[in-house]
Amino acid sequence: MSIRIFAAAFCAQWLTSCAVTNPPPLPPGNPADPQVRARTEAPPNLLARDETTLAIEKELSQTENTAKSSESMEHEGMQHEGMKMQHGEIYTCPMHPQIKSDKPGKCPICGMTLKKKEGRQ
């Protein structure tokens, strides 16, 4: 019986000591410490436009302008699939076979060089 009382007392002491322990002190300058003041200087602007960002924006702008001009441009000799060609040779874009022309040139969609279509026209 004395062992049970001893074990109960030990467990009660152990649980009580665990419940009242204080957390370890924070190291000096730790941001979690309420005594530490926040920085007063502003952080560096992470979204600033650097050389790489400006170069990418310039390239995208040029690509966008090229796309807009090619959409609005009238394509001489360009015809889409299903329309009859006026001459015997047909030039088409390897990436956009719907683009057809009776003369060599550039694809108005991607700018690739039109290739002469072989075989059935």
PDB file of N, CA and C in Angstrom:
ATOM      1  N   MET A   1       0.813  -1.182   0.000  1.00  0.00           N
ATOM      2  CA  MET A   1       0.000   0.000   0.000  1.00  0.00           C
ATOM      3  C   MET A   1       0.863   1.255   0.000  1.00  0.00           C
ATOM      4  N   SER A   2       1.990   1.197   0.703  1.00  0.00           N
ATOM      5  CA  SER A   2       2.859   2.362   0.769  1.00  0.00           C
ATOM      6  C   SER A   2       3.497   2.669  -0.591  1.00  0.00           C
ATOM      7  N   ILE A   3       3.678   1.635  -1.395  1.00  0.00           N
ATOM      8  CA  ILE A   3       4.232   1.848  -2.735  1.00  0.00           C
ATOM      9  C   ILE A   3       3.227   2.612  -3.592  1.00  0.00           C
ATOM     10  N   ARG A   4       1.945   2.284  -3.470  1.00  0.00           N
ATOM     11  CA  ARG A   4       0.913   2.981  -4.238  1.00  0.00           C
ATOM     12  C   ARG A   4       0.839   4.451  -3.831  1.00  0.00           C
ATOM     13  N   ILE A   5       0.924   4.700  -2.548  1.00  0.00           N
ATOM     14  CA  ILE A   5       0.875   6.091  -2.072  1.00  0.00           C
ATOM     15  C   ILE A   5       2.108   6.837  -2.582  1.00  0.00           C
ATOM     16  N   PHE A   6       3.263   6.180  -2.493  1.00  0.00           N
ATOM     17  CA  PHE A   6       4.494   6.793  -2.976  1.00  0.00           C
ATOM     18  C   PHE A   6       4.404   7.075  -4.485  1.00  0.00           C
ATOM     19  N   ALA A   7       3.889   6.116  -5.254  1.00  0.00           N
ATOM     20  CA  ALA A   7       3.755   6.286  -6.711  1.00  0.00           C
ATOM     21  C   ALA A   7       2.763   7.394  -7.027  1.00  0.00           C
ATOM     22  N   ALA A   8       1.669   7.462  -6.307  1.00  0.00           N
ATOM     23  CA  ALA A   8       0.675   8.515  -6.537  1.00  0.00           C
ATOM     24  C   ALA A   8       1.252   9.887  -6.207  1.00  0.00           C
ATOM     25  N   ALA A   9       1.979   9.972  -5.102  1.00  0.00           N
ATOM     26  CA  ALA A   9       2.596  11.242  -4.714  1.00  0.00           C
ATOM     27  C   ALA A   9       3.641  11.658  -5.745  1.00  0.00           C
ATOM     28  N   PHE A  10       4.446  10.687  -6.207  1.00  0.00           N
ATOM     29  CA  PHE A  10       5.465  10.988  -7.209  1.00  0.00           C
ATOM     30  C   PHE A  10       4.829  11.502  -8.507  1.00  0.00           C
ATOM     31  N   CYS A  11       3.777  10.825  -8.968  1.00  0.00           N
ATOM     32  CA  CYS A  11       3.088  11.235 -10.201  1.00  0.00           C
ATOM     33  C   CYS A  11       2.464  12.616 -10.037  1.00  0.00           C
ATOM     34  N   ALA A  12       1.863  12.875  -8.883  1.00  0.00           N
ATOM     35  CA  ALA A  12       1.247  14.171  -8.642  1.00  0.00           C
ATOM     36  C   ALA A  12       2.309  15.265  -8.648  1.00  0.00           C
ATOM     37  N   GLN A  13       3.439  15.012  -8.019  1.00  0.00           N
ATOM     38  CA  GLN A  13       4.537  15.984  -7.990  1.00  0.00           C
ATOM     39  C   GLN A  13       5.080  16.212  -9.398  1.00  0.00           C
ATOM     40  N   TRP A  14       5.241  15.131 -10.148  1.00  0.00           N
ATOM     41  CA  TRP A  14       5.781  15.219 -11.503  1.00  0.00           C
ATOM     42  C   TRP A  14       4.851  16.019 -12.404  1.00  0.00           C
ATOM     43  N   LEU A  15       3.531  15.740 -12.364  1.00  0.00           N
ATOM     44  CA  LEU A  15       2.563  16.473 -13.173  1.00  0.00           C
ATOM     45  C   LEU A  15       2.503  17.940 -12.781  1.00  0.00           C
ATOM     46  N   THR A  16       2.568  18.223 -11.499  1.00  0.00           N
ATOM     47  CA  THR A  16       2.532  19.599 -11.017  1.00  0.00           C
ATOM     48  C   THR A  16       3.777  20.349 -11.468  1.00  0.00           C
ATOM     49  N   SER A  17       4.911  19.703 -11.401  1.00  0.00           N
ATOM     50  CA  SER A  17       6.146  20.381 -11.803  1.00  0.00           C
ATOM     51  C   SER A  17       6.166  20.643 -13.310  1.00  0.00           C
ATOM     52  N   CYS A  18       5.564  19.783 -14.103  1.00  0.00           N
ATOM     53  CA  CYS A  18       5.498  20.001 -15.550  1.00  0.00           C
ATOM     54  C   CYS A  18       4.563  21.158 -15.888  1.00  0.00           C
ATOM     55  N   ALA A  19       3.499  21.303 -15.121  1.00  0.00           N
ATOM     56  CA  ALA A  19       2.498  22.317 -15.422  1.00  0.00           C
ATOM     57  C   ALA A  19       2.972  23.718 -15.070  1.00  0.00           C
ATOM     58  N   VAL A  20       3.875  23.873 -14.140  1.00  0.00           N
ATOM     59  CA  VAL A  20       4.270  25.201 -13.691  1.00  0.00           C
ATOM     60  C   VAL A  20       5.635  25.625 -14.198  1.00  0.00           C
ATOM     61  N   THR A  21       6.250  24.852 -15.055  1.00  0.00           N
ATOM     62  CA  THR A  21       7.570  25.257 -15.549  1.00  0.00           C
ATOM     63  C   THR A  21       7.422  26.450 -16.473  1.00  0.00           C
ATOM     64  N   ASN A  22       8.354  27.347 -16.414  1.00  0.00           N
ATOM     65  CA  ASN A  22       8.389  28.521 -17.282  1.00  0.00           C
ATOM     66  C   ASN A  22       9.176  28.181 -18.537  1.00  0.00           C
ATOM     67  N   PRO A  23       8.829  28.805 -19.643  1.00  0.00           N
ATOM     68  CA  PRO A  23       9.599  28.544 -20.859  1.00  0.00           C
ATOM     69  C   PRO A  23      11.008  29.106 -20.701  1.00  0.00           C
ATOM     70  N   PRO A  24      11.931  28.571 -21.455  1.00  0.00           N
ATOM     71  CA  PRO A  24      13.306  29.079 -21.352  1.00  0.00           C
ATOM     72  C   PRO A  24      13.351  30.539 -21.817  1.00  0.00           C
ATOM     73  N   PRO A  25      14.268  31.306 -21.317  1.00  0.00           N
ATOM     74  CA  PRO A  25      14.356  32.712 -21.723  1.00  0.00           C
ATOM     75  C   PRO A  25      14.740  32.822 -23.199  1.00  0.00           C
ATOM     76  N   LEU A  26      14.235  33.862 -23.849  1.00  0.00           N
ATOM     77  CA  LEU A  26      14.542  34.099 -25.256  1.00  0.00           C
ATOM     78  C   LEU A  26      15.920  34.719 -25.383  1.00  0.00           C
ATOM     79  N   PRO A  27      16.641  34.397 -26.434  1.00  0.00           N
ATOM     80  CA  PRO A  27      17.950  35.017 -26.630  1.00  0.00           C
ATOM     81  C   PRO A  27      17.783  36.509 -26.924  1.00  0.00           C
ATOM     82  N   PRO A  28      18.795  37.308 -26.667  1.00  0.00           N
ATOM     83  CA  PRO A  28      18.691  38.750 -26.911  1.00  0.00           C
ATOM     84  C   PRO A  28      18.401  39.057 -28.377  1.00  0.00           C
ATOM     85  N   GLY A  29      17.484  39.989 -28.602  1.00  0.00           N
ATOM     86  CA  GLY A  29      17.142  40.410 -29.961  1.00  0.00           C
ATOM     87  C   GLY A  29      16.149  39.508 -30.662  1.00  0.00           C
ATOM     88  N   ASN A  30      15.616  38.513 -29.974  1.00  0.00           N
ATOM     89  CA  ASN A  30      14.653  37.612 -30.597  1.00  0.00           C
ATOM     90  C   ASN A  30      13.361  38.380 -30.893  1.00  0.00           C
ATOM     91  N   PRO A  31      12.827  38.314 -32.113  1.00  0.00           N
ATOM     92  CA  PRO A  31      11.621  39.066 -32.453  1.00  0.00           C
ATOM     93  C   PRO A  31      10.388  38.643 -31.657  1.00  0.00           C
ATOM     94  N   ALA A  32      10.406  37.464 -31.053  1.00  0.00           N
ATOM     95  CA  ALA A  32       9.261  37.031 -30.258  1.00  0.00           C
ATOM     96  C   ALA A  32       9.238  37.698 -28.887  1.00  0.00           C
ATOM     97  N   ASP A  33      10.333  38.303 -28.508  1.00  0.00           N
ATOM     98  CA  ASP A  33      10.415  38.978 -27.216  1.00  0.00           C
ATOM     99  C   ASP A  33       9.652  40.300 -27.300  1.00  0.00           C
ATOM    100  N   PRO A  34       8.658  40.510 -26.421  1.00  0.00           N
ATOM    101  CA  PRO A  34       7.881  41.756 -26.496  1.00  0.00           C
ATOM    102  C   PRO A  34       8.708  42.987 -26.162  1.00  0.00           C
ATOM    103  N   GLN A  35       9.869  42.815 -25.556  1.00  0.00           N
ATOM    104  CA  GLN A  35      10.721  43.949 -25.222  1.00  0.00           C
ATOM    105  C   GLN A  35      11.507  44.455 -26.438  1.00  0.00           C
ATOM    106  N   VAL A  36      11.641  43.638 -27.453  1.00  0.00           N
ATOM    107  CA  VAL A  36      12.406  44.009 -28.640  1.00  0.00           C
ATOM    108  C   VAL A  36      11.544  44.882 -29.531  1.00  0.00           C
ATOM    109  N   ARG A  37      12.090  45.992 -29.964  1.00  0.00           N
ATOM    110  CA  ARG A  37      11.359  46.906 -30.851  1.00  0.00           C
ATOM    111  C   ARG A  37      11.565  46.483 -32.308  1.00  0.00           C
ATOM    112  N   ALA A  38      10.553  46.755 -33.105  1.00  0.00           N
ATOM    113  CA  ALA A  38      10.628  46.409 -34.524  1.00  0.00           C
ATOM    114  C   ALA A  38      11.593  47.345 -35.236  1.00  0.00           C
ATOM    115  N   ARG A  39      12.072  46.917 -36.393  1.00  0.00           N
ATOM    116  CA  ARG A  39      12.960  47.761 -37.189  1.00  0.00           C
ATOM    117  C   ARG A  39      12.220  49.002 -37.633  1.00  0.00           C
ATOM    118  N   THR A  40      12.898  50.123 -37.632  1.00  0.00           N
ATOM    119  CA  THR A  40      12.256  51.355 -38.084  1.00  0.00           C
ATOM    120  C   THR A  40      12.577  51.640 -39.545  1.00  0.00           C
ATOM    121  N   GLU A  41      13.621  51.028 -40.072  1.00  0.00           N
ATOM    122  CA  GLU A  41      13.961  51.263 -41.475  1.00  0.00           C
ATOM    123  C   GLU A  41      13.065  50.417 -42.381  1.00  0.00           C
ATOM    124  N   ALA A  42      12.760  50.951 -43.547  1.00  0.00           N
ATOM    125  CA  ALA A  42      11.902  50.241 -44.489  1.00  0.00           C
ATOM    126  C   ALA A  42      12.695  49.106 -45.143  1.00  0.00           C
ATOM    127  N   PRO A  43      12.053  47.975 -45.406  1.00  0.00           N
ATOM    128  CA  PRO A  43      12.757  46.888 -46.091  1.00  0.00           C
ATOM    129  C   PRO A  43      13.017  47.279 -47.545  1.00  0.00           C
ATOM    130  N   PRO A  44      13.996  46.650 -48.166  1.00  0.00           N
ATOM    131  CA  PRO A  44      14.250  46.970 -49.580  1.00  0.00           C
ATOM    132  C   PRO A  44      13.052  46.565 -50.432  1.00  0.00           C
ATOM    133  N   ASN A  45      12.822  47.310 -51.491  1.00  0.00           N
ATOM    134  CA  ASN A  45      11.692  47.016 -52.373  1.00  0.00           C
ATOM    135  C   ASN A  45      12.025  45.792 -53.208  1.00  0.00           C
ATOM    136  N   LEU A  46      11.395  44.689 -52.881  1.00  0.00           N
ATOM    137  CA  LEU A  46      11.664  43.441 -53.582  1.00  0.00           C
ATOM    138  C   LEU A  46      11.038  43.413 -54.966  1.00  0.00           C
ATOM    139  N   LEU A  47      10.069  44.293 -55.213  1.00  0.00           N
ATOM    140  CA  LEU A  47       9.389  44.303 -56.501  1.00  0.00           C
ATOM    141  C   LEU A  47       9.941  45.380 -57.434  1.00  0.00           C
ATOM    142  N   ALA A  48      11.102  45.917 -57.115  1.00  0.00           N
ATOM    143  CA  ALA A  48      11.700  46.944 -57.957  1.00  0.00           C
ATOM    144  C   ALA A  48      12.041  46.347 -59.317  1.00  0.00           C
ATOM    145  N   ARG A  49      11.995  47.180 -60.313  1.00  0.00           N
ATOM    146  CA  ARG A  49      12.300  46.715 -61.671  1.00  0.00           C
ATOM    147  C   ARG A  49      13.805  46.733 -61.882  1.00  0.00           C
ATOM    148  N   ASP A  50      14.377  45.563 -62.000  1.00  0.00           N
ATOM    149  CA  ASP A  50      15.803  45.467 -62.260  1.00  0.00           C
ATOM    150  C   ASP A  50      16.031  45.354 -63.760  1.00  0.00           C
ATOM    151  N   GLU A  51      17.286  45.203 -64.158  1.00  0.00           N
ATOM    152  CA  GLU A  51      17.631  45.149 -65.586  1.00  0.00           C
ATOM    153  C   GLU A  51      16.955  43.979 -66.292  1.00  0.00           C
ATOM    154  N   THR A  52      16.903  42.836 -65.638  1.00  0.00           N
ATOM    155  CA  THR A  52      16.303  41.653 -66.248  1.00  0.00           C
ATOM    156  C   THR A  52      14.813  41.858 -66.485  1.00  0.00           C
ATOM    157  N   THR A  53      14.114  42.398 -65.482  1.00  0.00           N
ATOM    158  CA  THR A  53      12.684  42.639 -65.616  1.00  0.00           C
ATOM    159  C   THR A  53      12.408  43.626 -66.739  1.00  0.00           C
ATOM    160  N   LEU A  54      13.186  44.699 -66.807  1.00  0.00           N
ATOM    161  CA  LEU A  54      13.000  45.692 -67.862  1.00  0.00           C
ATOM    162  C   LEU A  54      13.258  45.096 -69.243  1.00  0.00           C
ATOM    163  N   ALA A  55      14.285  44.237 -69.364  1.00  0.00           N
ATOM    164  CA  ALA A  55      14.582  43.605 -70.651  1.00  0.00           C
ATOM    165  C   ALA A  55      13.446  42.671 -71.074  1.00  0.00           C
ATOM    166  N   ILE A  56      12.898  41.929 -70.118  1.00  0.00           N
ATOM    167  CA  ILE A  56      11.788  41.025 -70.436  1.00  0.00           C
ATOM    168  C   ILE A  56      10.559  41.821 -70.841  1.00  0.00           C
ATOM    169  N   GLU A  57      10.255  42.895 -70.126  1.00  0.00           N
ATOM    170  CA  GLU A  57       9.098  43.726 -70.477  1.00  0.00           C
ATOM    171  C   GLU A  57       9.256  44.320 -71.870  1.00  0.00           C
ATOM    172  N   LYS A  58      10.467  44.750 -72.222  1.00  0.00           N
ATOM    173  CA  LYS A  58      10.717  45.316 -73.552  1.00  0.00           C
ATOM    174  C   LYS A  58      10.492  44.262 -74.639  1.00  0.00           C
ATOM    175  N   GLU A  59      11.007  43.047 -74.399  1.00  0.00           N
ATOM    176  CA  GLU A  59      10.847  41.979 -75.386  1.00  0.00           C
ATOM    177  C   GLU A  59       9.377  41.585 -75.534  1.00  0.00           C
ATOM    178  N   LEU A  60       8.664  41.504 -74.416  1.00  0.00           N
ATOM    179  CA  LEU A  60       7.239  41.173 -74.488  1.00  0.00           C
ATOM    180  C   LEU A  60       6.456  42.255 -75.210  1.00  0.00           C
ATOM    181  N   SER A  61       6.824  43.498 -74.994  1.00  0.00           N
ATOM    182  CA  SER A  61       6.156  44.611 -75.667  1.00  0.00           C
ATOM    183  C   SER A  61       6.359  44.519 -77.178  1.00  0.00           C
ATOM    184  N   GLN A  62       7.602  44.218 -77.587  1.00  0.00           N
ATOM    185  CA  GLN A  62       7.882  44.085 -79.019  1.00  0.00           C
ATOM    186  C   GLN A  62       7.108  42.915 -79.609  1.00  0.00           C
ATOM    187  N   THR A  63       7.036  41.807 -78.880  1.00  0.00           N
ATOM    188  CA  THR A  63       6.295  40.636 -79.354  1.00  0.00           C
ATOM    189  C   THR A  63       4.814  40.970 -79.484  1.00  0.00           C
ATOM    190  N   GLU A  64       4.279  41.691 -78.515  1.00  0.00           N
ATOM    191  CA  GLU A  64       2.871  42.080 -78.551  1.00  0.00           C
ATOM    192  C   GLU A  64       2.598  43.012 -79.734  1.00  0.00           C
ATOM    193  N   ASN A  65       3.494  43.959 -79.969  1.00  0.00           N
ATOM    194  CA  ASN A  65       3.323  44.872 -81.100  1.00  0.00           C
ATOM    195  C   ASN A  65       3.391  44.123 -82.425  1.00  0.00           C
ATOM    196  N   THR A  66       4.293  43.163 -82.520  1.00  0.00           N
ATOM    197  CA  THR A  66       4.402  42.364 -83.747  1.00  0.00           C
ATOM    198  C   THR A  66       3.122  41.562 -83.973  1.00  0.00           C
ATOM    199  N   ALA A  67       2.598  40.976 -82.917  1.00  0.00           N
ATOM    200  CA  ALA A  67       1.367  40.191 -83.036  1.00  0.00           C
ATOM    201  C   ALA A  67       0.198  41.078 -83.457  1.00  0.00           C
ATOM    202  N   LYS A  68       0.090  42.252 -82.864  1.00  0.00           N
ATOM    203  CA  LYS A  68      -1.006  43.163 -83.224  1.00  0.00           C
ATOM    204  C   LYS A  68      -0.886  43.626 -84.672  1.00  0.00           C
ATOM    205  N   SER A  69       0.342  43.947 -85.103  1.00  0.00           N
ATOM    206  CA  SER A  69       0.513  44.412 -86.478  1.00  0.00           C
ATOM    207  C   SER A  69       0.234  43.302 -87.477  1.00  0.00           C
ATOM    208  N   SER A  70       0.603  42.063 -87.131  1.00  0.00           N
ATOM    209  CA  SER A  70       0.346  40.968 -88.067  1.00  0.00           C
ATOM    210  C   SER A  70      -1.135  40.618 -88.125  1.00  0.00           C
ATOM    211  N   GLU A  71      -1.867  40.854 -87.039  1.00  0.00           N
ATOM    212  CA  GLU A  71      -3.308  40.620 -87.065  1.00  0.00           C
ATOM    213  C   GLU A  71      -4.012  41.648 -87.930  1.00  0.00           C
ATOM    214  N   SER A  72      -3.570  42.900 -87.831  1.00  0.00           N
ATOM    215  CA  SER A  72      -4.249  43.966 -88.564  1.00  0.00           C
ATOM    216  C   SER A  72      -3.773  44.083 -90.013  1.00  0.00           C
ATOM    217  N   MET A  73      -2.618  43.518 -90.301  1.00  0.00           N
ATOM    218  CA  MET A  73      -2.035  43.639 -91.629  1.00  0.00           C
ATOM    219  C   MET A  73      -2.808  42.792 -92.644  1.00  0.00           C
ATOM    220  N   GLU A  74      -3.006  43.347 -93.827  1.00  0.00           N
ATOM    221  CA  GLU A  74      -3.614  42.552 -94.890  1.00  0.00           C
ATOM    222  C   GLU A  74      -2.512  41.728 -95.531  1.00  0.00           C
ATOM    223  N   HIS A  75      -2.764  40.453 -95.711  1.00  0.00           N
ATOM    224  CA  HIS A  75      -1.747  39.550 -96.211  1.00  0.00           C
ATOM    225  C   HIS A  75      -1.968  39.328 -97.707  1.00  0.00           C
ATOM    226  N   GLU A  76      -1.093  39.957 -98.491  1.00  0.00           N
ATOM    227  CA  GLU A  76      -1.190  39.775 -99.936  1.00  0.00           C
ATOM    228  C   GLU A  76      -0.825  38.344-100.297  1.00  0.00           C
ATOM    229  N   GLY A  77      -1.667  37.726-101.048  1.00  0.00           N
ATOM    230  CA  GLY A  77      -1.387  36.369-101.492  1.00  0.00           C
ATOM    231  C   GLY A  77      -1.649  35.307-100.437  1.00  0.00           C
ATOM    232  N   MET A  78      -1.949  35.679 -99.220  1.00  0.00           N
ATOM    233  CA  MET A  78      -2.215  34.706 -98.169  1.00  0.00           C
ATOM    234  C   MET A  78      -3.653  34.240 -98.274  1.00  0.00           C
ATOM    235  N   GLN A  79      -3.815  32.948 -98.215  1.00  0.00           N
ATOM    236  CA  GLN A  79      -5.156  32.388 -98.253  1.00  0.00           C
ATOM    237  C   GLN A  79      -5.233  31.256 -97.262  1.00  0.00           C
ATOM    238  N   HIS A  80      -6.417  30.983 -96.785  1.00  0.00           N
ATOM    239  CA  HIS A  80      -6.619  29.903 -95.843  1.00  0.00           C
ATOM    240  C   HIS A  80      -7.085  28.659 -96.582  1.00  0.00           C
ATOM    241  N   GLU A  81      -6.998  27.547 -95.900  1.00  0.00           N
ATOM    242  CA  GLU A  81      -7.362  26.268 -96.483  1.00  0.00           C
ATOM    243  C   GLU A  81      -8.798  26.302 -97.003  1.00  0.00           C
ATOM    244  N   GLY A  82      -9.028  25.677 -98.136  1.00  0.00           N
ATOM    245  CA  GLY A  82     -10.358  25.638 -98.714  1.00  0.00           C
ATOM    246  C   GLY A  82     -10.516  26.655 -99.844  1.00  0.00           C
ATOM    247  N   MET A  83      -9.597  27.621 -99.961  1.00  0.00           N
ATOM    248  CA  MET A  83      -9.659  28.613-101.038  1.00  0.00           C
ATOM    249  C   MET A  83      -8.697  28.178-102.138  1.00  0.00           C
ATOM    250  N   LYS A  84      -9.055  28.441-103.363  1.00  0.00           N
ATOM    251  CA  LYS A  84      -8.216  28.031-104.482  1.00  0.00           C
ATOM    252  C   LYS A  84      -7.060  29.010-104.648  1.00  0.00           C
ATOM    253  N   MET A  85      -5.909  28.466-104.980  1.00  0.00           N
ATOM    254  CA  MET A  85      -4.727  29.281-105.218  1.00  0.00           C
ATOM    255  C   MET A  85      -4.716  29.683-106.687  1.00  0.00           C
ATOM    256  N   GLN A  86      -4.102  30.840-106.961  1.00  0.00           N
ATOM    257  CA  GLN A  86      -4.090  31.358-108.322  1.00  0.00           C
ATOM    258  C   GLN A  86      -2.933  30.788-109.135  1.00  0.00           C
ATOM    259  N   HIS A  87      -1.855  30.367-108.462  1.00  0.00           N
ATOM    260  CA  HIS A  87      -0.681  29.859-109.157  1.00  0.00           C
ATOM    261  C   HIS A  87      -0.442  28.412-108.777  1.00  0.00           C
ATOM    262  N   GLY A  88       0.520  27.784-109.454  1.00  0.00           N
ATOM    263  CA  GLY A  88       0.779  26.374-109.239  1.00  0.00           C
ATOM    264  C   GLY A  88       1.520  26.061-107.938  1.00  0.00           C
ATOM    265  N   GLU A  89       2.378  26.978-107.476  1.00  0.00           N
ATOM    266  CA  GLU A  89       3.151  26.703-106.265  1.00  0.00           C
ATOM    267  C   GLU A  89       2.409  27.206-105.035  1.00  0.00           C
ATOM    268  N   ILE A  90       2.493  26.405-103.957  1.00  0.00           N
ATOM    269  CA  ILE A  90       1.857  26.798-102.699  1.00  0.00           C
ATOM    270  C   ILE A  90       2.928  26.787-101.615  1.00  0.00           C
ATOM    271  N   TYR A  91       2.977  27.864-100.863  1.00  0.00           N
ATOM    272  CA  TYR A  91       3.881  27.969 -99.722  1.00  0.00           C
ATOM    273  C   TYR A  91       3.021  27.966 -98.463  1.00  0.00           C
ATOM    274  N   THR A  92       3.477  27.186 -97.471  1.00  0.00           N
ATOM    275  CA  THR A  92       2.706  27.075 -96.238  1.00  0.00           C
ATOM    276  C   THR A  92       3.642  27.087 -95.035  1.00  0.00           C
ATOM    277  N   CYS A  93       3.094  27.413 -93.893  1.00  0.00           N
ATOM    278  CA  CYS A  93       3.867  27.448 -92.645  1.00  0.00           C
ATOM    279  C   CYS A  93       3.925  26.037 -92.063  1.00  0.00           C
ATOM    280  N   PRO A  94       5.103  25.573 -91.650  1.00  0.00           N
ATOM    281  CA  PRO A  94       5.202  24.244 -91.047  1.00  0.00           C
ATOM    282  C   PRO A  94       4.403  24.125 -89.738  1.00  0.00           C
ATOM    283  N   MET A  95       4.246  25.221 -89.019  1.00  0.00           N
ATOM    284  CA  MET A  95       3.533  25.183 -87.746  1.00  0.00           C
ATOM    285  C   MET A  95       2.045  25.514 -87.900  1.00  0.00           C
ATOM    286  N   HIS A  96       1.688  26.215 -88.954  1.00  0.00           N
ATOM    287  CA  HIS A  96       0.293  26.632 -89.172  1.00  0.00           C
ATOM    288  C   HIS A  96      -0.100  26.285 -90.612  1.00  0.00           C
ATOM    289  N   PRO A  97      -0.456  25.027 -90.870  1.00  0.00           N
ATOM    290  CA  PRO A  97      -0.737  24.591 -92.243  1.00  0.00           C
ATOM    291  C   PRO A  97      -1.946  25.294 -92.866  1.00  0.00           C
ATOM    292  N   GLN A  98      -2.763  25.980 -92.079  1.00  0.00           N
ATOM    293  CA  GLN A  98      -3.898  26.706 -92.643  1.00  0.00           C
ATOM    294  C   GLN A  98      -3.450  27.966 -93.389  1.00  0.00           C
ATOM    295  N   ILE A  99      -2.213  28.410 -93.144  1.00  0.00           N
ATOM    296  CA  ILE A  99      -1.674  29.573 -93.841  1.00  0.00           C
ATOM    297  C   ILE A  99      -1.077  29.100 -95.151  1.00  0.00           C
ATOM    298  N   LYS A 100      -1.573  29.677 -96.253  1.00  0.00           N
ATOM    299  CA  LYS A 100      -1.088  29.307 -97.577  1.00  0.00           C
ATOM    300  C   LYS A 100      -0.837  30.576 -98.376  1.00  0.00           C
ATOM    301  N   SER A 101       0.187  30.521 -99.232  1.00  0.00           N
ATOM    302  CA  SER A 101       0.534  31.670-100.057  1.00  0.00           C
ATOM    303  C   SER A 101       1.014  31.179-101.405  1.00  0.00           C
ATOM    304  N   ASP A 102       0.864  32.038-102.409  1.00  0.00           N
ATOM    305  CA  ASP A 102       1.347  31.678-103.739  1.00  0.00           C
ATOM    306  C   ASP A 102       2.785  32.136-103.952  1.00  0.00           C
ATOM    307  N   LYS A 103       3.407  32.766-102.915  1.00  0.00           N
ATOM    308  CA  LYS A 103       4.799  33.193-103.002  1.00  0.00           C
ATOM    309  C   LYS A 103       5.476  33.003-101.648  1.00  0.00           C
ATOM    310  N   PRO A 104       6.802  32.930-101.651  1.00  0.00           N
ATOM    311  CA  PRO A 104       7.502  32.766-100.379  1.00  0.00           C
ATOM    312  C   PRO A 104       7.290  33.995 -99.494  1.00  0.00           C
ATOM    313  N   GLY A 105       7.451  33.796 -98.192  1.00  0.00           N
ATOM    314  CA  GLY A 105       7.284  34.891 -97.242  1.00  0.00           C
ATOM    315  C   GLY A 105       7.361  34.376 -95.822  1.00  0.00           C
ATOM    316  N   LYS A 106       6.765  35.131 -94.928  1.00  0.00           N
ATOM    317  CA  LYS A 106       6.753  34.784 -93.508  1.00  0.00           C
ATOM    318  C   LYS A 106       5.329  34.489 -93.064  1.00  0.00           C
ATOM    319  N   CYS A 107       5.186  33.587 -92.087  1.00  0.00           N
ATOM    320  CA  CYS A 107       3.882  33.274 -91.516  1.00  0.00           C
ATOM    321  C   CYS A 107       3.405  34.474 -90.696  1.00  0.00           C
ATOM    322  N   PRO A 108       2.181  34.937 -90.909  1.00  0.00           N
ATOM    323  CA  PRO A 108       1.692  36.087 -90.153  1.00  0.00           C
ATOM    324  C   PRO A 108       1.422  35.762 -88.688  1.00  0.00           C
ATOM    325  N   ILE A 109       1.348  34.485 -88.343  1.00  0.00           N
ATOM    326  CA  ILE A 109       1.072  34.100 -86.960  1.00  0.00           C
ATOM    327  C   ILE A 109       2.365  34.007 -86.159  1.00  0.00           C
ATOM    328  N   CYS A 110       3.347  33.239 -86.671  1.00  0.00           N
ATOM    329  CA  CYS A 110       4.555  32.988 -85.882  1.00  0.00           C
ATOM    330  C   CYS A 110       5.825  33.580 -86.489  1.00  0.00           C
ATOM    331  N   GLY A 111       5.766  34.028 -87.733  1.00  0.00           N
ATOM    332  CA  GLY A 111       6.935  34.637 -88.354  1.00  0.00           C
ATOM    333  C   GLY A 111       7.892  33.655 -88.989  1.00  0.00           C
ATOM    334  N   MET A 112       7.570  32.349 -88.987  1.00  0.00           N
ATOM    335  CA  MET A 112       8.455  31.368 -89.619  1.00  0.00           C
ATOM    336  C   MET A 112       8.416  31.535 -91.140  1.00  0.00           C
ATOM    337  N   THR A 113       9.490  31.112 -91.787  1.00  0.00           N
ATOM    338  CA  THR A 113       9.549  31.176 -93.247  1.00  0.00           C
ATOM    339  C   THR A 113       8.603  30.142 -93.838  1.00  0.00           C
ATOM    340  N   LEU A 114       7.813  30.574 -94.805  1.00  0.00           N
ATOM    341  CA  LEU A 114       6.888  29.646 -95.466  1.00  0.00           C
ATOM    342  C   LEU A 114       7.682  28.681 -96.330  1.00  0.00           C
ATOM    343  N   LYS A 115       7.295  27.417 -96.319  1.00  0.00           N
ATOM    344  CA  LYS A 115       7.972  26.378 -97.089  1.00  0.00           C
ATOM    345  C   LYS A 115       7.089  25.966 -98.264  1.00  0.00           C
ATOM    346  N   LYS A 116       7.755  25.609 -99.347  1.00  0.00           N
ATOM    347  CA  LYS A 116       7.046  25.145-100.527  1.00  0.00           C
ATOM    348  C   LYS A 116       6.391  23.808-100.216  1.00  0.00           C
ATOM    349  N   LYS A 117       5.096  23.708-100.508  1.00  0.00           N
ATOM    350  CA  LYS A 117       4.360  22.484-100.223  1.00  0.00           C
ATOM    351  C   LYS A 117       4.629  21.478-101.338  1.00  0.00           C
ATOM    352  N   GLU A 118       5.008  20.286-100.923  1.00  0.00           N
ATOM    353  CA  GLU A 118       5.290  19.215-101.871  1.00  0.00           C
ATOM    354  C   GLU A 118       4.063  18.339-102.039  1.00  0.00           C
ATOM    355  N   GLY A 119       3.943  17.708-103.184  1.00  0.00           N
ATOM    356  CA  GLY A 119       2.863  16.749-103.402  1.00  0.00           C
ATOM    357  C   GLY A 119       1.559  17.419-103.771  1.00  0.00           C
ATOM    358  N   ARG A 120       0.436  16.799-103.308  1.00  0.00           N
ATOM    359  CA  ARG A 120      -0.908  17.259-103.651  1.00  0.00           C
ATOM    360  C   ARG A 120      -1.136  18.680-103.182  1.00  0.00           C
ATOM    361  N   GLN A 121      -1.676  19.509-104.060  1.00  0.00           N
ATOM    362  CA  GLN A 121      -1.962  20.881-103.706  1.00  0.00           C
ATOM    363  C   GLN A 121      -3.432  21.050-103.708  1.00  0.00           C
TER     364      GLN A 121
END
